[in-house]
Amino acid sequence: MANRGPSYGLSREVQEKIEQKYDTELESRLVDWIIIQCGENTEHPPPGRQHFQKWLMDGTLLCKLINSLHPKGKEPIPKITESKMAFKQMEQISQFLKAAEIYGIRTTDIFQTVDLWEGKDMAAVQRTLMALGSEAVTRDDGCYRGDPAWFHRKAQKNRRGFSEEQLRQGQNVIGLQMGSNKGASQSGMTGYGMPRQII
């Protein structure tokens, strides 16, 4: 953990609101998935936000997770090393985040390195892992292990094809949003900012 003192006032309120977004039920589902996805020899952390953060903090488990979602020989992170040095751990978290973005996770769903390493926003970490699980389930390429019901499938493209005749017919329809100007006139209108003359 980083060497931070206690927060007060507005920063304390903001931190409390961030911590309230953390979901303990979601934590247990994510832990189960990561253990199944990475292999049975992965140890199960004690429940709780701080234990979850410590479990993922060095980045090795995250790198193994993203590698396990790719076929053998096509892993995005070739070298995963366990290290006690802070910069190495943060580097591995960054590698995971880059690989997750390439995998298809939107940038808005990706947490910042400090969110995990310093425990600033573990709910953001959960969001990223949920998005990763959803993407893996949606791909259905045989690399996902675990219960598919743990994550929702993303909507697939639903292209619609229209014939030339249907497109021409659509041009003749006047939508209700366009309204009507039947009976409209400018009588009684004055120039902008001029008072109305009463006769």
N, C-alpha and C. Protein backbone atom coordinates (compact mmCIF):
# COMPACT_ATOMS: atom_id res chain seq x y z
N MET A 1 0.84 -1.18 0.00
CA MET A 1 0.00 0.00 0.00
C MET A 1 0.88 1.24 0.00
N ALA A 2 0.37 2.31 -0.53
CA ALA A 2 1.11 3.56 -0.57
C ALA A 2 1.11 4.19 0.81
N ASN A 3 2.07 5.06 1.02
CA ASN A 3 2.19 5.74 2.30
C ASN A 3 1.30 6.98 2.28
N ARG A 4 0.05 6.85 2.61
CA ARG A 4 -0.88 7.97 2.58
C ARG A 4 -1.44 8.18 3.98
N GLY A 5 -1.63 9.43 4.32
CA GLY A 5 -2.26 9.75 5.60
C GLY A 5 -3.75 9.71 5.46
N PRO A 6 -4.47 9.92 6.54
CA PRO A 6 -5.93 9.92 6.46
C PRO A 6 -6.44 11.12 5.68
N SER A 7 -7.58 10.97 5.04
CA SER A 7 -8.17 12.09 4.31
C SER A 7 -9.27 12.71 5.16
N TYR A 8 -9.48 13.99 4.96
CA TYR A 8 -10.47 14.74 5.75
C TYR A 8 -11.37 15.54 4.82
N GLY A 9 -12.51 15.98 5.36
CA GLY A 9 -13.40 16.89 4.65
C GLY A 9 -13.94 16.31 3.36
N LEU A 10 -13.86 17.12 2.31
CA LEU A 10 -14.43 16.75 1.02
C LEU A 10 -13.75 15.52 0.43
N SER A 11 -12.40 15.43 0.56
CA SER A 11 -11.73 14.25 0.01
C SER A 11 -12.16 12.98 0.72
N ARG A 12 -12.45 13.07 1.99
CA ARG A 12 -12.93 11.89 2.73
C ARG A 12 -14.31 11.48 2.23
N GLU A 13 -15.18 12.48 2.00
CA GLU A 13 -16.54 12.19 1.50
C GLU A 13 -16.48 11.54 0.12
N VAL A 14 -15.62 12.06 -0.73
CA VAL A 14 -15.47 11.50 -2.08
C VAL A 14 -14.97 10.06 -2.00
N GLN A 15 -13.96 9.81 -1.14
CA GLN A 15 -13.42 8.46 -0.99
C GLN A 15 -14.48 7.50 -0.46
N GLU A 16 -15.31 7.96 0.48
CA GLU A 16 -16.38 7.11 1.03
C GLU A 16 -17.39 6.74 -0.06
N LYS A 17 -17.73 7.71 -0.92
CA LYS A 17 -18.68 7.43 -2.01
C LYS A 17 -18.10 6.40 -2.98
N ILE A 18 -16.80 6.52 -3.26
CA ILE A 18 -16.14 5.56 -4.16
C ILE A 18 -16.17 4.17 -3.53
N GLU A 19 -15.88 4.09 -2.23
CA GLU A 19 -15.85 2.80 -1.54
C GLU A 19 -17.24 2.15 -1.46
N GLN A 20 -18.30 2.96 -1.45
CA GLN A 20 -19.66 2.41 -1.39
C GLN A 20 -20.03 1.70 -2.69
N LYS A 21 -19.38 2.04 -3.79
CA LYS A 21 -19.68 1.39 -5.07
C LYS A 21 -19.12 -0.02 -5.16
N TYR A 22 -18.22 -0.37 -4.26
CA TYR A 22 -17.59 -1.69 -4.27
C TYR A 22 -18.62 -2.75 -3.89
N ASP A 23 -18.69 -3.82 -4.68
CA ASP A 23 -19.69 -4.88 -4.50
C ASP A 23 -19.02 -6.16 -4.01
N THR A 24 -19.36 -6.59 -2.79
CA THR A 24 -18.73 -7.79 -2.21
C THR A 24 -19.20 -9.07 -2.90
N GLU A 25 -20.45 -9.11 -3.35
CA GLU A 25 -20.94 -10.30 -4.08
C GLU A 25 -20.20 -10.44 -5.41
N LEU A 26 -20.02 -9.31 -6.06
CA LEU A 26 -19.29 -9.31 -7.33
C LEU A 26 -17.84 -9.74 -7.11
N GLU A 27 -17.27 -9.33 -6.00
CA GLU A 27 -15.90 -9.73 -5.66
C GLU A 27 -15.78 -11.25 -5.63
N SER A 28 -16.71 -11.92 -4.96
CA SER A 28 -16.61 -13.39 -4.85
C SER A 28 -16.77 -14.06 -6.21
N ARG A 29 -17.64 -13.52 -7.08
CA ARG A 29 -17.81 -14.08 -8.42
C ARG A 29 -16.54 -13.89 -9.25
N LEU A 30 -15.93 -12.69 -9.14
CA LEU A 30 -14.70 -12.42 -9.89
C LEU A 30 -13.55 -13.29 -9.40
N VAL A 31 -13.45 -13.49 -8.09
CA VAL A 31 -12.40 -14.35 -7.53
C VAL A 31 -12.56 -15.77 -8.06
N ASP A 32 -13.80 -16.28 -8.03
CA ASP A 32 -14.05 -17.64 -8.54
C ASP A 32 -13.66 -17.76 -10.01
N TRP A 33 -14.02 -16.76 -10.80
CA TRP A 33 -13.70 -16.79 -12.23
C TRP A 33 -12.19 -16.75 -12.45
N ILE A 34 -11.49 -15.85 -11.75
CA ILE A 34 -10.05 -15.71 -11.94
C ILE A 34 -9.34 -17.02 -11.58
N ILE A 35 -9.79 -17.67 -10.50
CA ILE A 35 -9.17 -18.93 -10.08
C ILE A 35 -9.40 -20.02 -11.13
N ILE A 36 -10.62 -20.12 -11.64
CA ILE A 36 -10.91 -21.12 -12.67
C ILE A 36 -10.15 -20.80 -13.96
N GLN A 37 -10.13 -19.53 -14.34
CA GLN A 37 -9.50 -19.11 -15.59
C GLN A 37 -7.98 -19.28 -15.55
N CYS A 38 -7.37 -18.95 -14.41
CA CYS A 38 -5.90 -19.00 -14.31
C CYS A 38 -5.37 -20.36 -13.91
N GLY A 39 -6.20 -21.22 -13.37
CA GLY A 39 -5.74 -22.54 -12.96
C GLY A 39 -6.00 -22.79 -11.49
N GLU A 40 -6.22 -24.03 -11.17
CA GLU A 40 -6.60 -24.41 -9.81
C GLU A 40 -5.53 -24.16 -8.77
N ASN A 41 -4.26 -24.01 -9.18
CA ASN A 41 -3.21 -23.78 -8.18
C ASN A 41 -3.18 -22.34 -7.67
N THR A 42 -4.08 -21.49 -8.17
CA THR A 42 -4.18 -20.11 -7.70
C THR A 42 -4.87 -20.11 -6.34
N GLU A 43 -4.26 -19.42 -5.39
CA GLU A 43 -4.83 -19.42 -4.04
C GLU A 43 -6.02 -18.48 -3.92
N HIS A 44 -6.95 -18.83 -3.05
CA HIS A 44 -8.17 -18.07 -2.83
C HIS A 44 -7.91 -17.03 -1.74
N PRO A 45 -8.17 -15.73 -2.01
CA PRO A 45 -7.91 -14.72 -0.98
C PRO A 45 -9.04 -14.68 0.05
N PRO A 46 -8.75 -14.18 1.26
CA PRO A 46 -9.84 -13.98 2.23
C PRO A 46 -10.80 -12.92 1.68
N PRO A 47 -12.08 -12.97 2.05
CA PRO A 47 -13.02 -11.97 1.53
C PRO A 47 -12.71 -10.57 2.06
N GLY A 48 -13.08 -9.58 1.27
CA GLY A 48 -12.89 -8.18 1.67
C GLY A 48 -12.15 -7.39 0.61
N ARG A 49 -12.47 -6.11 0.56
CA ARG A 49 -11.92 -5.22 -0.45
C ARG A 49 -10.39 -5.16 -0.38
N GLN A 50 -9.84 -5.03 0.82
CA GLN A 50 -8.38 -4.89 0.96
C GLN A 50 -7.66 -6.19 0.58
N HIS A 51 -8.26 -7.33 0.92
CA HIS A 51 -7.64 -8.61 0.55
C HIS A 51 -7.68 -8.80 -0.97
N PHE A 52 -8.80 -8.39 -1.59
CA PHE A 52 -8.94 -8.48 -3.04
C PHE A 52 -7.88 -7.61 -3.72
N GLN A 53 -7.68 -6.42 -3.17
CA GLN A 53 -6.67 -5.50 -3.72
C GLN A 53 -5.27 -6.10 -3.58
N LYS A 54 -4.94 -6.63 -2.41
CA LYS A 54 -3.61 -7.23 -2.19
C LYS A 54 -3.38 -8.41 -3.12
N TRP A 55 -4.44 -9.18 -3.36
CA TRP A 55 -4.38 -10.37 -4.20
C TRP A 55 -4.00 -10.02 -5.64
N LEU A 56 -4.52 -8.87 -6.12
CA LEU A 56 -4.29 -8.47 -7.51
C LEU A 56 -3.18 -7.45 -7.68
N MET A 57 -2.71 -6.88 -6.57
CA MET A 57 -1.85 -5.70 -6.58
C MET A 57 -0.54 -5.83 -7.36
N ASP A 58 0.10 -7.00 -7.33
CA ASP A 58 1.39 -7.11 -8.02
C ASP A 58 1.25 -7.28 -9.53
N GLY A 59 0.03 -7.50 -10.03
CA GLY A 59 -0.21 -7.56 -11.47
C GLY A 59 0.01 -8.92 -12.10
N THR A 60 0.64 -9.85 -11.39
CA THR A 60 0.93 -11.15 -12.01
C THR A 60 -0.34 -11.92 -12.32
N LEU A 61 -1.29 -11.89 -11.40
CA LEU A 61 -2.55 -12.62 -11.62
C LEU A 61 -3.34 -12.02 -12.78
N LEU A 62 -3.33 -10.69 -12.87
CA LEU A 62 -4.03 -10.02 -13.98
C LEU A 62 -3.39 -10.39 -15.32
N CYS A 63 -2.06 -10.44 -15.35
CA CYS A 63 -1.36 -10.81 -16.59
C CYS A 63 -1.66 -12.26 -16.97
N LYS A 64 -1.70 -13.16 -15.97
CA LYS A 64 -2.05 -14.55 -16.24
C LYS A 64 -3.48 -14.64 -16.76
N LEU A 65 -4.37 -13.82 -16.20
CA LEU A 65 -5.78 -13.82 -16.61
C LEU A 65 -5.92 -13.43 -18.08
N ILE A 66 -5.30 -12.33 -18.47
CA ILE A 66 -5.44 -11.87 -19.86
C ILE A 66 -4.76 -12.85 -20.81
N ASN A 67 -3.65 -13.46 -20.39
CA ASN A 67 -2.98 -14.46 -21.23
C ASN A 67 -3.85 -15.70 -21.41
N SER A 68 -4.60 -16.08 -20.36
CA SER A 68 -5.43 -17.29 -20.44
C SER A 68 -6.62 -17.12 -21.38
N LEU A 69 -6.92 -15.87 -21.76
CA LEU A 69 -8.03 -15.61 -22.68
C LEU A 69 -7.58 -15.65 -24.14
N HIS A 70 -6.32 -16.02 -24.36
CA HIS A 70 -5.77 -16.12 -25.72
C HIS A 70 -5.31 -17.56 -25.95
N PRO A 71 -5.29 -18.00 -27.20
CA PRO A 71 -4.79 -19.35 -27.51
C PRO A 71 -3.30 -19.46 -27.17
N LYS A 72 -2.85 -20.68 -26.92
CA LYS A 72 -1.44 -20.94 -26.61
C LYS A 72 -0.55 -20.38 -27.72
N GLY A 73 0.49 -19.70 -27.32
CA GLY A 73 1.43 -19.13 -28.28
C GLY A 73 1.06 -17.74 -28.76
N LYS A 74 -0.14 -17.26 -28.43
CA LYS A 74 -0.58 -15.93 -28.87
C LYS A 74 -0.86 -15.01 -27.68
N GLU A 75 -0.25 -15.33 -26.52
CA GLU A 75 -0.46 -14.53 -25.32
C GLU A 75 0.12 -13.13 -25.51
N PRO A 76 -0.61 -12.09 -25.06
CA PRO A 76 -0.12 -10.72 -25.26
C PRO A 76 1.03 -10.33 -24.33
N ILE A 77 1.16 -11.00 -23.17
CA ILE A 77 2.23 -10.67 -22.22
C ILE A 77 3.16 -11.87 -22.13
N PRO A 78 4.31 -11.83 -22.83
CA PRO A 78 5.17 -13.00 -22.89
C PRO A 78 5.89 -13.33 -21.58
N LYS A 79 6.26 -12.31 -20.80
CA LYS A 79 7.04 -12.57 -19.60
C LYS A 79 6.33 -11.99 -18.38
N ILE A 80 5.96 -12.88 -17.45
CA ILE A 80 5.31 -12.46 -16.21
C ILE A 80 6.24 -12.85 -15.07
N THR A 81 6.67 -11.84 -14.30
CA THR A 81 7.58 -12.12 -13.19
C THR A 81 6.99 -11.57 -11.89
N GLU A 82 7.11 -12.36 -10.84
CA GLU A 82 6.68 -11.88 -9.52
C GLU A 82 7.81 -11.04 -8.96
N SER A 83 7.44 -9.84 -8.51
CA SER A 83 8.44 -8.92 -7.99
C SER A 83 7.87 -8.16 -6.80
N LYS A 84 8.74 -7.79 -5.88
CA LYS A 84 8.33 -6.99 -4.71
C LYS A 84 8.53 -5.50 -4.97
N MET A 85 9.20 -5.18 -6.08
CA MET A 85 9.46 -3.78 -6.39
C MET A 85 8.21 -3.11 -6.95
N ALA A 86 7.91 -1.94 -6.40
CA ALA A 86 6.67 -1.23 -6.75
C ALA A 86 6.58 -0.92 -8.25
N PHE A 87 7.67 -0.42 -8.83
CA PHE A 87 7.59 -0.04 -10.25
C PHE A 87 7.36 -1.24 -11.15
N LYS A 88 7.90 -2.42 -10.78
CA LYS A 88 7.68 -3.64 -11.57
C LYS A 88 6.22 -4.07 -11.48
N GLN A 89 5.66 -3.98 -10.28
CA GLN A 89 4.25 -4.35 -10.09
C GLN A 89 3.34 -3.42 -10.90
N MET A 90 3.62 -2.11 -10.83
CA MET A 90 2.81 -1.15 -11.57
C MET A 90 2.98 -1.34 -13.08
N GLU A 91 4.17 -1.73 -13.50
CA GLU A 91 4.42 -1.98 -14.92
C GLU A 91 3.58 -3.17 -15.40
N GLN A 92 3.49 -4.21 -14.58
CA GLN A 92 2.69 -5.38 -14.96
C GLN A 92 1.20 -5.03 -15.02
N ILE A 93 0.73 -4.19 -14.10
CA ILE A 93 -0.67 -3.74 -14.14
C ILE A 93 -0.91 -2.98 -15.44
N SER A 94 0.05 -2.10 -15.81
CA SER A 94 -0.07 -1.34 -17.06
C SER A 94 -0.09 -2.26 -18.28
N GLN A 95 0.73 -3.31 -18.25
CA GLN A 95 0.73 -4.27 -19.36
C GLN A 95 -0.64 -4.94 -19.48
N PHE A 96 -1.23 -5.30 -18.35
CA PHE A 96 -2.56 -5.90 -18.36
C PHE A 96 -3.57 -4.93 -18.96
N LEU A 97 -3.51 -3.66 -18.55
CA LEU A 97 -4.47 -2.67 -19.04
C LEU A 97 -4.35 -2.47 -20.55
N LYS A 98 -3.12 -2.43 -21.06
CA LYS A 98 -2.91 -2.30 -22.52
C LYS A 98 -3.47 -3.52 -23.25
N ALA A 99 -3.18 -4.70 -22.70
CA ALA A 99 -3.66 -5.94 -23.33
C ALA A 99 -5.18 -6.02 -23.29
N ALA A 100 -5.78 -5.53 -22.20
CA ALA A 100 -7.25 -5.54 -22.08
C ALA A 100 -7.88 -4.61 -23.11
N GLU A 101 -7.24 -3.47 -23.35
CA GLU A 101 -7.76 -2.53 -24.35
C GLU A 101 -7.68 -3.14 -25.75
N ILE A 102 -6.57 -3.80 -26.04
CA ILE A 102 -6.40 -4.46 -27.34
C ILE A 102 -7.43 -5.59 -27.47
N TYR A 103 -7.72 -6.26 -26.37
CA TYR A 103 -8.69 -7.37 -26.37
C TYR A 103 -10.10 -6.89 -26.71
N GLY A 104 -10.40 -5.62 -26.46
CA GLY A 104 -11.70 -5.08 -26.83
C GLY A 104 -12.42 -4.33 -25.72
N ILE A 105 -11.75 -4.10 -24.60
CA ILE A 105 -12.39 -3.37 -23.50
C ILE A 105 -12.29 -1.88 -23.81
N ARG A 106 -13.43 -1.17 -23.68
CA ARG A 106 -13.45 0.26 -23.96
C ARG A 106 -12.58 1.02 -22.95
N THR A 107 -11.99 2.11 -23.38
CA THR A 107 -11.13 2.89 -22.49
C THR A 107 -11.90 3.41 -21.29
N THR A 108 -13.19 3.67 -21.44
CA THR A 108 -13.99 4.17 -20.33
C THR A 108 -14.21 3.11 -19.26
N ASP A 109 -14.04 1.83 -19.62
CA ASP A 109 -14.21 0.74 -18.66
C ASP A 109 -12.90 0.31 -18.01
N ILE A 110 -11.79 0.94 -18.38
CA ILE A 110 -10.49 0.51 -17.88
C ILE A 110 -10.07 1.40 -16.70
N PHE A 111 -9.66 0.75 -15.61
CA PHE A 111 -9.23 1.50 -14.43
C PHE A 111 -7.82 2.05 -14.61
N GLN A 112 -7.45 2.97 -13.75
CA GLN A 112 -6.09 3.52 -13.73
C GLN A 112 -5.22 2.63 -12.86
N THR A 113 -3.93 2.60 -13.10
CA THR A 113 -3.01 1.75 -12.34
C THR A 113 -3.11 2.04 -10.84
N VAL A 114 -3.19 3.32 -10.46
CA VAL A 114 -3.24 3.67 -9.03
C VAL A 114 -4.55 3.24 -8.37
N ASP A 115 -5.61 3.08 -9.17
CA ASP A 115 -6.88 2.62 -8.60
C ASP A 115 -6.70 1.27 -7.93
N LEU A 116 -5.89 0.41 -8.53
CA LEU A 116 -5.61 -0.90 -7.95
C LEU A 116 -4.43 -0.85 -7.00
N TRP A 117 -3.31 -0.29 -7.46
CA TRP A 117 -2.09 -0.39 -6.68
C TRP A 117 -2.20 0.34 -5.33
N GLU A 118 -2.87 1.48 -5.32
CA GLU A 118 -3.05 2.21 -4.06
C GLU A 118 -4.42 1.94 -3.44
N GLY A 119 -5.26 1.17 -4.12
CA GLY A 119 -6.59 0.86 -3.59
C GLY A 119 -7.54 2.04 -3.61
N LYS A 120 -7.31 2.99 -4.53
CA LYS A 120 -8.13 4.21 -4.57
C LYS A 120 -9.56 3.94 -5.05
N ASP A 121 -9.72 3.06 -6.04
CA ASP A 121 -11.05 2.81 -6.58
C ASP A 121 -11.16 1.35 -7.02
N MET A 122 -11.43 0.48 -6.07
CA MET A 122 -11.52 -0.95 -6.37
C MET A 122 -12.80 -1.27 -7.15
N ALA A 123 -13.81 -0.39 -7.07
CA ALA A 123 -15.02 -0.59 -7.88
C ALA A 123 -14.68 -0.46 -9.37
N ALA A 124 -13.75 0.42 -9.71
CA ALA A 124 -13.31 0.57 -11.11
C ALA A 124 -12.59 -0.70 -11.57
N VAL A 125 -11.83 -1.31 -10.66
CA VAL A 125 -11.14 -2.56 -10.98
C VAL A 125 -12.18 -3.64 -11.27
N GLN A 126 -13.23 -3.68 -10.45
CA GLN A 126 -14.31 -4.66 -10.67
C GLN A 126 -14.98 -4.43 -12.01
N ARG A 127 -15.22 -3.16 -12.38
CA ARG A 127 -15.85 -2.84 -13.67
C ARG A 127 -15.01 -3.35 -14.82
N THR A 128 -13.70 -3.15 -14.74
CA THR A 128 -12.80 -3.62 -15.81
C THR A 128 -12.86 -5.13 -15.93
N LEU A 129 -12.81 -5.83 -14.80
CA LEU A 129 -12.84 -7.30 -14.83
C LEU A 129 -14.19 -7.80 -15.35
N MET A 130 -15.27 -7.12 -15.00
CA MET A 130 -16.60 -7.49 -15.53
C MET A 130 -16.64 -7.30 -17.04
N ALA A 131 -16.11 -6.18 -17.52
CA ALA A 131 -16.08 -5.93 -18.96
C ALA A 131 -15.23 -6.98 -19.67
N LEU A 132 -14.13 -7.38 -19.04
CA LEU A 132 -13.26 -8.41 -19.61
C LEU A 132 -13.99 -9.75 -19.69
N GLY A 133 -14.70 -10.11 -18.63
CA GLY A 133 -15.47 -11.36 -18.62
C GLY A 133 -16.57 -11.35 -19.67
N SER A 134 -17.26 -10.20 -19.80
CA SER A 134 -18.32 -10.08 -20.81
C SER A 134 -17.77 -10.23 -22.22
N GLU A 135 -16.62 -9.61 -22.46
CA GLU A 135 -15.99 -9.71 -23.78
C GLU A 135 -15.59 -11.15 -24.07
N ALA A 136 -15.05 -11.85 -23.07
CA ALA A 136 -14.61 -13.24 -23.25
C ALA A 136 -15.81 -14.15 -23.53
N VAL A 137 -16.92 -13.95 -22.80
CA VAL A 137 -18.12 -14.76 -23.01
C VAL A 137 -18.70 -14.49 -24.39
N THR A 138 -18.70 -13.23 -24.80
CA THR A 138 -19.26 -12.85 -26.10
C THR A 138 -18.45 -13.45 -27.24
N ARG A 139 -17.14 -13.45 -27.12
CA ARG A 139 -16.28 -14.00 -28.18
C ARG A 139 -16.54 -15.48 -28.40
N ASP A 140 -16.76 -16.22 -27.33
CA ASP A 140 -17.06 -17.64 -27.40
C ASP A 140 -16.05 -18.38 -28.29
N ASP A 141 -14.75 -18.13 -28.03
CA ASP A 141 -13.69 -18.72 -28.85
C ASP A 141 -13.03 -19.93 -28.19
N GLY A 142 -13.60 -20.40 -27.09
CA GLY A 142 -13.07 -21.58 -26.43
C GLY A 142 -12.02 -21.29 -25.37
N CYS A 143 -11.62 -20.04 -25.22
CA CYS A 143 -10.60 -19.69 -24.22
C CYS A 143 -11.22 -19.40 -22.85
N TYR A 144 -12.49 -19.01 -22.83
CA TYR A 144 -13.16 -18.69 -21.56
C TYR A 144 -13.45 -19.96 -20.78
N ARG A 145 -13.11 -19.95 -19.49
CA ARG A 145 -13.44 -21.06 -18.60
C ARG A 145 -14.28 -20.50 -17.46
N GLY A 146 -15.27 -21.24 -17.06
CA GLY A 146 -16.14 -20.77 -15.98
C GLY A 146 -17.59 -20.81 -16.43
N ASP A 147 -18.46 -20.34 -15.58
CA ASP A 147 -19.89 -20.32 -15.87
C ASP A 147 -20.22 -19.14 -16.78
N PRO A 148 -20.76 -19.37 -17.97
CA PRO A 148 -21.08 -18.25 -18.86
C PRO A 148 -22.15 -17.32 -18.28
N ALA A 149 -22.92 -17.80 -17.31
CA ALA A 149 -23.96 -16.95 -16.71
C ALA A 149 -23.38 -15.90 -15.77
N TRP A 150 -22.09 -15.98 -15.44
CA TRP A 150 -21.47 -15.00 -14.57
C TRP A 150 -21.38 -13.63 -15.21
N PHE A 151 -21.34 -13.60 -16.55
CA PHE A 151 -21.20 -12.34 -17.28
C PHE A 151 -22.26 -12.26 -18.36
N HIS A 152 -22.67 -11.04 -18.69
CA HIS A 152 -23.67 -10.89 -19.75
C HIS A 152 -22.97 -10.85 -21.11
N ARG A 153 -23.67 -11.36 -22.09
CA ARG A 153 -23.14 -11.31 -23.46
C ARG A 153 -23.40 -9.93 -24.03
N LYS A 154 -22.43 -9.40 -24.73
CA LYS A 154 -22.60 -8.10 -25.37
C LYS A 154 -23.50 -8.26 -26.58
N ALA A 155 -24.22 -7.22 -26.90
CA ALA A 155 -25.09 -7.25 -28.08
C ALA A 155 -24.23 -7.31 -29.33
N GLN A 156 -24.63 -8.15 -30.25
CA GLN A 156 -23.92 -8.27 -31.51
C GLN A 156 -24.55 -7.33 -32.54
N LYS A 157 -23.84 -7.08 -33.60
CA LYS A 157 -24.38 -6.20 -34.64
C LYS A 157 -25.64 -6.82 -35.23
N ASN A 158 -26.61 -5.98 -35.48
CA ASN A 158 -27.86 -6.43 -36.08
C ASN A 158 -28.14 -5.54 -37.28
N ARG A 159 -27.41 -5.80 -38.33
CA ARG A 159 -27.56 -4.97 -39.54
C ARG A 159 -28.87 -5.26 -40.23
N ARG A 160 -29.47 -4.22 -40.74
CA ARG A 160 -30.73 -4.36 -41.45
C ARG A 160 -30.49 -3.95 -42.90
N GLY A 161 -31.03 -4.73 -43.79
CA GLY A 161 -30.88 -4.41 -45.21
C GLY A 161 -32.22 -3.96 -45.79
N PHE A 162 -32.18 -2.85 -46.51
CA PHE A 162 -33.40 -2.34 -47.14
C PHE A 162 -33.20 -2.30 -48.65
N SER A 163 -34.24 -2.65 -49.37
CA SER A 163 -34.17 -2.58 -50.83
C SER A 163 -34.29 -1.12 -51.26
N GLU A 164 -33.94 -0.85 -52.51
CA GLU A 164 -34.04 0.51 -53.05
C GLU A 164 -35.48 1.02 -52.98
N GLU A 165 -36.43 0.12 -53.24
CA GLU A 165 -37.85 0.50 -53.21
C GLU A 165 -38.27 0.92 -51.79
N GLN A 166 -37.82 0.17 -50.79
CA GLN A 166 -38.15 0.51 -49.40
C GLN A 166 -37.54 1.85 -49.01
N LEU A 167 -36.32 2.11 -49.46
CA LEU A 167 -35.68 3.39 -49.15
C LEU A 167 -36.42 4.55 -49.81
N ARG A 168 -36.89 4.36 -51.06
CA ARG A 168 -37.66 5.41 -51.75
C ARG A 168 -38.98 5.68 -51.04
N GLN A 169 -39.64 4.62 -50.58
CA GLN A 169 -40.90 4.79 -49.86
C GLN A 169 -40.69 5.56 -48.56
N GLY A 170 -39.57 5.32 -47.92
CA GLY A 170 -39.27 6.01 -46.66
C GLY A 170 -39.07 7.50 -46.85
N GLN A 171 -38.64 7.92 -48.04
CA GLN A 171 -38.43 9.35 -48.29
C GLN A 171 -39.75 10.10 -48.41
N ASN A 172 -40.83 9.41 -48.75
CA ASN A 172 -42.13 10.05 -48.92
C ASN A 172 -42.89 10.22 -47.60
N VAL A 173 -42.43 9.57 -46.56
CA VAL A 173 -43.14 9.64 -45.28
C VAL A 173 -42.70 10.88 -44.52
N ILE A 174 -43.67 11.66 -44.06
CA ILE A 174 -43.35 12.82 -43.23
C ILE A 174 -43.54 12.39 -41.78
N GLY A 175 -42.47 12.43 -41.05
CA GLY A 175 -42.53 12.01 -39.65
C GLY A 175 -43.32 12.99 -38.80
N LEU A 176 -43.89 12.50 -37.73
CA LEU A 176 -44.66 13.36 -36.83
C LEU A 176 -43.79 14.39 -36.15
N GLN A 177 -42.51 14.13 -36.06
CA GLN A 177 -41.63 15.08 -35.41
C GLN A 177 -41.46 16.35 -36.23
N MET A 178 -41.70 16.24 -37.54
CA MET A 178 -41.52 17.41 -38.39
C MET A 178 -42.64 18.42 -38.18
N GLY A 179 -43.78 17.98 -37.70
CA GLY A 179 -44.88 18.91 -37.45
C GLY A 179 -45.53 19.40 -38.73
N SER A 180 -46.27 20.43 -38.60
CA SER A 180 -46.97 20.98 -39.75
C SER A 180 -46.97 22.49 -39.65
N ASN A 181 -46.94 23.16 -40.77
CA ASN A 181 -47.00 24.63 -40.74
C ASN A 181 -48.27 25.11 -41.43
N LYS A 182 -49.28 24.27 -41.44
CA LYS A 182 -50.55 24.62 -42.08
C LYS A 182 -51.18 25.80 -41.34
N GLY A 183 -51.52 26.84 -42.07
CA GLY A 183 -52.17 28.01 -41.48
C GLY A 183 -51.22 28.94 -40.75
N ALA A 184 -49.95 28.73 -40.88
CA ALA A 184 -48.99 29.58 -40.18
C ALA A 184 -48.78 30.86 -40.96
N SER A 185 -48.65 31.97 -40.27
CA SER A 185 -48.34 33.25 -40.92
C SER A 185 -47.51 34.08 -39.95
N GLN A 186 -46.99 35.16 -40.43
CA GLN A 186 -46.16 36.02 -39.59
C GLN A 186 -46.89 37.28 -39.19
N SER A 187 -48.18 37.28 -39.30
CA SER A 187 -48.92 38.49 -38.94
C SER A 187 -48.81 38.71 -37.43
N GLY A 188 -48.61 39.94 -37.05
CA GLY A 188 -48.49 40.27 -35.64
C GLY A 188 -47.08 40.16 -35.10
N MET A 189 -46.17 39.72 -35.94
CA MET A 189 -44.79 39.59 -35.47
C MET A 189 -44.07 40.91 -35.67
N THR A 190 -43.16 41.20 -34.78
CA THR A 190 -42.36 42.43 -34.90
C THR A 190 -40.90 42.02 -34.95
N GLY A 191 -40.06 42.98 -35.24
CA GLY A 191 -38.64 42.72 -35.27
C GLY A 191 -38.13 42.36 -33.88
N TYR A 192 -37.01 41.71 -33.83
CA TYR A 192 -36.45 41.25 -32.56
C TYR A 192 -36.12 42.45 -31.68
N GLY A 193 -36.64 42.45 -30.47
CA GLY A 193 -36.32 43.49 -29.50
C GLY A 193 -37.20 44.72 -29.62
N MET A 194 -38.07 44.79 -30.60
CA MET A 194 -38.92 45.97 -30.76
C MET A 194 -40.22 45.74 -30.00
N PRO A 195 -40.72 46.77 -29.32
CA PRO A 195 -42.00 46.60 -28.60
C PRO A 195 -43.15 46.47 -29.60
N ARG A 196 -44.16 45.75 -29.21
CA ARG A 196 -45.32 45.55 -30.07
C ARG A 196 -46.20 46.77 -30.05
N GLN A 197 -46.64 47.17 -31.22
CA GLN A 197 -47.50 48.37 -31.36
C GLN A 197 -48.96 47.97 -31.13
N ILE A 198 -49.61 48.66 -30.25
CA ILE A 198 -51.03 48.40 -30.05
C ILE A 198 -51.81 49.48 -30.76
N ILE A 199 -52.72 49.12 -31.66
CA ILE A 199 -53.48 50.11 -32.45
C ILE A 199 -54.89 50.20 -31.93
